[in-house]
C-alpha atoms as a PDB file:
ATOM      1  CA  GLY A   1       0.000   0.000   0.000  1.00  0.00           C
ATOM      2  CA  GLY A   2       0.933   3.588  -0.658  1.00  0.00           C
ATOM      3  CA  GLY A   3       4.165   2.963  -2.542  1.00  0.00           C
ATOM      4  CA  CYS A   4       2.685   3.082  -6.035  1.00  0.00           C
ATOM      5  CA  CYS A   5       4.493   6.080  -7.312  1.00  0.00           C
ATOM      6  CA  LEU A   6       8.043   5.750  -6.019  1.00  0.00           C
ATOM      7  CA  THR A   7      10.311   5.669  -9.024  1.00  0.00           C
ATOM      8  CA  ALA A   8      12.935   2.969  -8.864  1.00  0.00           C
ATOM      9  CA  PRO A   9      16.496   4.282  -8.629  1.00  0.00           C
ATOM     10  CA  ALA A  10      18.550   4.214 -11.816  1.00  0.00           C
ATOM     11  CA  VAL A  11      21.253   2.079 -10.200  1.00  0.00           C
ATOM     12  CA  PRO A  12      20.160  -0.740  -7.876  1.00  0.00           C
ATOM     13  CA  VAL A  13      22.033  -1.408  -4.656  1.00  0.00           C
ATOM     14  CA  THR A  14      24.813  -3.964  -4.557  1.00  0.00           C
ATOM     15  CA  THR A  15      24.499  -6.951  -2.220  1.00  0.00           C
ATOM     16  CA  GLU A  16      27.005  -5.278   0.110  1.00  0.00           C
ATOM     17  CA  GLU A  17      25.021  -2.020   0.159  1.00  0.00           C
ATOM     18  CA  ALA A  18      21.800  -3.918   0.872  1.00  0.00           C
ATOM     19  CA  THR A  19      23.470  -5.897   3.664  1.00  0.00           C
ATOM     20  CA  TRP A  20      24.753  -2.732   5.338  1.00  0.00           C
ATOM     21  CA  MET A  21      21.404  -1.000   4.941  1.00  0.00           C
ATOM     22  CA  THR A  22      19.651  -3.903   6.660  1.00  0.00           C
ATOM     23  CA  HIS A  23      22.275  -3.935   9.421  1.00  0.00           C
ATOM     24  CA  MET A  24      22.061  -0.193  10.032  1.00  0.00           C
ATOM     25  CA  ARG A  25      18.248  -0.372  10.142  1.00  0.00           C
ATOM     26  CA  GLU A  26      18.442  -3.022  12.870  1.00  0.00           C
ATOM     27  CA  GLU A  27      21.251  -1.216  14.699  1.00  0.00           C
ATOM     28  CA  GLU A  28      19.203   1.999  14.853  1.00  0.00           C
ATOM     29  CA  LYS A  29      16.270  -0.064  16.154  1.00  0.00           C
ATOM     30  CA  LEU A  30      18.538  -1.548  18.838  1.00  0.00           C
ATOM     31  CA  ALA A  31      19.690   1.919  19.917  1.00  0.00           C
ATOM     32  CA  ARG A  32      16.119   3.240  20.017  1.00  0.00           C
ATOM     33  CA  ASP A  33      14.825   0.215  21.944  1.00  0.00           C
ATOM     34  CA  VAL A  34      17.649   0.192  24.504  1.00  0.00           C
ATOM     35  CA  TYR A  35      17.475   3.967  25.124  1.00  0.00           C
ATOM     36  CA  THR A  36      13.689   3.881  25.440  1.00  0.00           C
ATOM     37  CA  GLN A  37      13.926   1.188  28.103  1.00  0.00           C
ATOM     38  CA  LEU A  38      16.859   2.820  29.889  1.00  0.00           C
ATOM     39  CA  ASN A  39      14.790   5.994  30.069  1.00  0.00           C
ATOM     40  CA  GLU A  40      11.941   4.037  31.666  1.00  0.00           C
ATOM     41  CA  ARG A  41      14.417   2.480  34.126  1.00  0.00           C
ATOM     42  CA  TRP A  42      16.422   5.601  35.057  1.00  0.00           C
ATOM     43  CA  ASN A  43      14.112   8.458  34.016  1.00  0.00           C
ATOM     44  CA  LEU A  44      17.005  10.469  32.594  1.00  0.00           C
ATOM     45  CA  ARG A  45      16.198  12.890  29.789  1.00  0.00           C
ATOM     46  CA  ILE A  46      19.331  12.091  27.763  1.00  0.00           C
ATOM     47  CA  PHE A  47      17.923   8.616  27.031  1.00  0.00           C
ATOM     48  CA  ALA A  48      14.519   9.953  25.970  1.00  0.00           C
ATOM     49  CA  ASN A  49      16.055  12.642  23.748  1.00  0.00           C
ATOM     50  CA  ILE A  50      18.494  10.313  22.022  1.00  0.00           C
ATOM     51  CA  ALA A  51      15.804   7.625  21.593  1.00  0.00           C
ATOM     52  CA  VAL A  52      13.816  10.192  19.560  1.00  0.00           C
ATOM     53  CA  SER A  53      16.900  10.851  17.447  1.00  0.00           C
ATOM     54  CA  GLU A  54      17.433   7.095  16.904  1.00  0.00           C
ATOM     55  CA  GLN A  55      13.825   6.802  15.700  1.00  0.00           C
ATOM     56  CA  ARG A  56      14.604   9.457  13.072  1.00  0.00           C
ATOM     57  CA  HIS A  57      17.733   7.509  12.048  1.00  0.00           C
ATOM     58  CA  TYR A  58      15.683   4.311  11.841  1.00  0.00           C
ATOM     59  CA  ASP A  59      13.161   6.115   9.617  1.00  0.00           C
ATOM     60  CA  ALA A  60      15.909   7.591   7.419  1.00  0.00           C
ATOM     61  CA  VAL A  61      17.386   4.151   6.740  1.00  0.00           C
ATOM     62  CA  GLY A  62      13.848   2.856   6.136  1.00  0.00           C
ATOM     63  CA  THR A  63      13.366   5.510   3.451  1.00  0.00           C
ATOM     64  CA  LEU A  64      16.536   4.335   1.697  1.00  0.00           C
ATOM     65  CA  MET A  65      15.391   0.714   1.924  1.00  0.00           C
ATOM     66  CA  ALA A  66      12.036   1.584   0.339  1.00  0.00           C
ATOM     67  CA  ARG A  67      13.767   3.551  -2.431  1.00  0.00           C
ATOM     68  CA  TYR A  68      16.066   0.630  -3.285  1.00  0.00           C
ATOM     69  CA  ASN A  69      13.566  -2.175  -2.608  1.00  0.00           C
ATOM     70  CA  VAL A  70      15.662  -3.700   0.170  1.00  0.00           C
ATOM     71  CA  ALA A  71      13.719  -6.200   2.291  1.00  0.00           C
ATOM     72  CA  GLU A  72      12.628  -4.856   5.686  1.00  0.00           C
ATOM     73  CA  PRO A  73      14.097  -6.753   8.679  1.00  0.00           C
ATOM     74  CA  ALA A  74      12.827  -4.697  11.589  1.00  0.00           C
ATOM     75  CA  SER A  75       9.390  -3.197  11.042  1.00  0.00           C
ATOM     76  CA  GLY A  76       6.820  -4.213  13.628  1.00  0.00           C
ATOM     77  CA  THR A  77       9.235  -6.390  15.618  1.00  0.00           C
ATOM     78  CA  THR A  78       9.335  -6.074  19.394  1.00  0.00           C
ATOM     79  CA  PRO A  79      12.414  -4.792  21.267  1.00  0.00           C
ATOM     80  CA  GLY A  80      15.159  -7.410  21.347  1.00  0.00           C
ATOM     81  CA  VAL A  81      14.012  -9.166  18.163  1.00  0.00           C
ATOM     82  CA  TYR A  82      16.511  -8.911  15.271  1.00  0.00           C
ATOM     83  CA  THR A  83      17.251 -10.998  12.194  1.00  0.00           C
ATOM     84  CA  ASP A  84      20.952 -10.459  13.046  1.00  0.00           C
ATOM     85  CA  ALA A  85      21.852 -12.882  15.858  1.00  0.00           C
ATOM     86  CA  GLY A  86      24.818 -10.706  16.828  1.00  0.00           C
ATOM     87  CA  LEU A  87      22.548  -7.728  17.454  1.00  0.00           C
ATOM     88  CA  ALA A  88      20.102  -9.893  19.430  1.00  0.00           C
ATOM     89  CA  ALA A  89      22.971 -11.002  21.690  1.00  0.00           C
ATOM     90  CA  LEU A  90      24.273  -7.425  21.999  1.00  0.00           C
ATOM     91  CA  TYR A  91      20.788  -6.237  22.972  1.00  0.00           C
ATOM     92  CA  SER A  92      20.575  -8.760  25.832  1.00  0.00           C
ATOM     93  CA  GLU A  93      24.071  -7.857  27.026  1.00  0.00           C
ATOM     94  CA  LEU A  94      23.400  -4.101  26.945  1.00  0.00           C
ATOM     95  CA  MET A  95      20.031  -4.403  28.697  1.00  0.00           C
ATOM     96  CA  ALA A  96      21.603  -6.451  31.490  1.00  0.00           C
ATOM     97  CA  LYS A  97      24.420  -3.917  31.933  1.00  0.00           C
ATOM     98  CA  GLY A  98      22.053  -0.941  31.675  1.00  0.00           C
ATOM     99  CA  ALA A  99      19.966  -2.245  34.579  1.00  0.00           C
ATOM    100  CA  LEU A 100      22.927  -2.361  36.997  1.00  0.00           C
ATOM    101  CA  SER A 101      23.419   1.334  37.699  1.00  0.00           C
ATOM    102  CA  LEU A 102      23.015   4.741  36.109  1.00  0.00           C
ATOM    103  CA  LYS A 103      26.746   4.774  35.387  1.00  0.00           C
ATOM    104  CA  ASP A 104      26.428   1.408  33.611  1.00  0.00           C
ATOM    105  CA  ALA A 105      23.417   2.694  31.665  1.00  0.00           C
ATOM    106  CA  LEU A 106      25.410   5.700  30.434  1.00  0.00           C
ATOM    107  CA  GLU A 107      28.316   3.392  29.541  1.00  0.00           C
ATOM    108  CA  VAL A 108      25.832   1.390  27.446  1.00  0.00           C
ATOM    109  CA  GLY A 109      25.090   4.623  25.558  1.00  0.00           C
ATOM    110  CA  VAL A 110      28.788   5.094  24.822  1.00  0.00           C
ATOM    111  CA  LEU A 111      29.106   1.469  23.687  1.00  0.00           C
ATOM    112  CA  ILE A 112      26.121   1.736  21.336  1.00  0.00           C
ATOM    113  CA  GLU A 113      27.397   4.952  19.764  1.00  0.00           C
ATOM    114  CA  LYS A 114      30.935   3.575  19.340  1.00  0.00           C
ATOM    115  CA  THR A 115      29.493   0.502  17.610  1.00  0.00           C
ATOM    116  CA  ASP A 116      27.289   2.700  15.430  1.00  0.00           C
ATOM    117  CA  ILE A 117      30.215   4.948  14.472  1.00  0.00           C
ATOM    118  CA  ALA A 118      32.453   2.004  13.507  1.00  0.00           C
ATOM    119  CA  ASP A 119      29.692   0.349  11.464  1.00  0.00           C
ATOM    120  CA  LEU A 120      28.691   3.576   9.714  1.00  0.00           C
ATOM    121  CA  GLN A 121      32.316   4.279   8.776  1.00  0.00           C
ATOM    122  CA  THR A 122      32.526   0.799   7.208  1.00  0.00           C
ATOM    123  CA  ALA A 123      29.128   1.162   5.512  1.00  0.00           C
ATOM    124  CA  LEU A 124      30.241   4.506   4.036  1.00  0.00           C
ATOM    125  CA  GLN A 125      33.278   2.806   2.480  1.00  0.00           C
ATOM    126  CA  ALA A 126      30.970   0.185   0.955  1.00  0.00           C
ATOM    127  CA  THR A 127      28.875   2.587  -1.160  1.00  0.00           C
ATOM    128  CA  THR A 128      29.417   5.098  -3.939  1.00  0.00           C
ATOM    129  CA  LYS A 129      25.792   6.312  -3.970  1.00  0.00           C
ATOM    130  CA  THR A 130      25.338   9.944  -2.961  1.00  0.00           C
ATOM    131  CA  ASP A 131      21.972   9.508  -1.242  1.00  0.00           C
ATOM    132  CA  ILE A 132      23.191   6.594   0.886  1.00  0.00           C
ATOM    133  CA  LYS A 133      26.400   8.459   1.750  1.00  0.00           C
ATOM    134  CA  THR A 134      24.365  11.506   2.793  1.00  0.00           C
ATOM    135  CA  VAL A 135      22.171   9.503   5.166  1.00  0.00           C
ATOM    136  CA  TYR A 136      25.096   7.608   6.693  1.00  0.00           C
ATOM    137  CA  THR A 137      27.131  10.795   7.104  1.00  0.00           C
ATOM    138  CA  ASN A 138      24.228  12.466   8.930  1.00  0.00           C
ATOM    139  CA  LEU A 139      23.853   9.399  11.175  1.00  0.00           C
ATOM    140  CA  LEU A 140      27.599   9.355  11.817  1.00  0.00           C
ATOM    141  CA  ASP A 141      27.660  13.034  12.840  1.00  0.00           C
ATOM    142  CA  ALA A 142      24.732  12.443  15.190  1.00  0.00           C
ATOM    143  CA  SER A 143      26.331   9.343  16.736  1.00  0.00           C
ATOM    144  CA  ILE A 144      29.524  11.295  17.451  1.00  0.00           C
ATOM    145  CA  GLN A 145      27.408  13.974  19.190  1.00  0.00           C
ATOM    146  CA  HIS A 146      25.516  11.318  21.155  1.00  0.00           C
ATOM    147  CA  GLN A 147      28.742   9.684  22.292  1.00  0.00           C
ATOM    148  CA  ASP A 148      30.043  13.085  23.453  1.00  0.00           C
ATOM    149  CA  ARG A 149      26.820  13.704  25.398  1.00  0.00           C
ATOM    150  CA  PHE A 150      26.933  10.316  27.116  1.00  0.00           C
ATOM    151  CA  GLU A 151      30.613  10.804  28.007  1.00  0.00           C
ATOM    152  CA  ALA A 152      29.917  14.294  29.404  1.00  0.00           C
ATOM    153  CA  MET A 153      27.086  12.858  31.512  1.00  0.00           C
ATOM    154  CA  LEU A 154      29.359  10.061  32.763  1.00  0.00           C
ATOM    155  CA  GLU A 155      31.812  12.632  34.113  1.00  0.00           C
ATOM    156  CA  VAL A 156      29.007  14.118  36.217  1.00  0.00           C
ATOM    157  CA  VAL A 157      27.772  10.733  37.493  1.00  0.00           C
ATOM    158  CA  GLN A 158      31.188   9.323  38.481  1.00  0.00           C
END
C-alpha cells in the first residue's frame, strides 16, 4: 500500500550495500529500543532525547530501503528481536548492563554509539551512492554527538 508512485532508482544497490542497509536499520532499532527502556528504568532525559533521534535515524534508513527495494528486517518487531543474531545477543548484554546502575546505563550509551560509528564508517566505504552516503554521514555526525553527550554525563555521574 501507498508505494505506487516511487520511481525505482537508476542504479540498484549492490548486495554489500543492501546488507549494510539492513544492518544499520536493525542497529538503529537496537539503539532506540535500549534507550527507550533505559529511560523508563532511570528516568534520565538524555535517554529519551536520544531515543527520539534514533527513531529518526531508523526512519531515514527505512526511506533508503524503500527507495532501493531492500527487504525490511525490523518493522513491527518487538524490542530485542533482530534478524541479526549478533545484534540480538548485543541487545541482551546491553540491557543487562544498563539495569545495573546509572553509570552502567550511560556506559551502554557510549558502547552503542561507538558501535554505530564504527559500522557507519565501514558502511560509508561500501557505497558510492550519494543519497546513501548523505544519510550515513548524517547518522555518523549524530552518533559522534551522542557519544560526546553520554561521556559528558558520565563525568558528572562518576
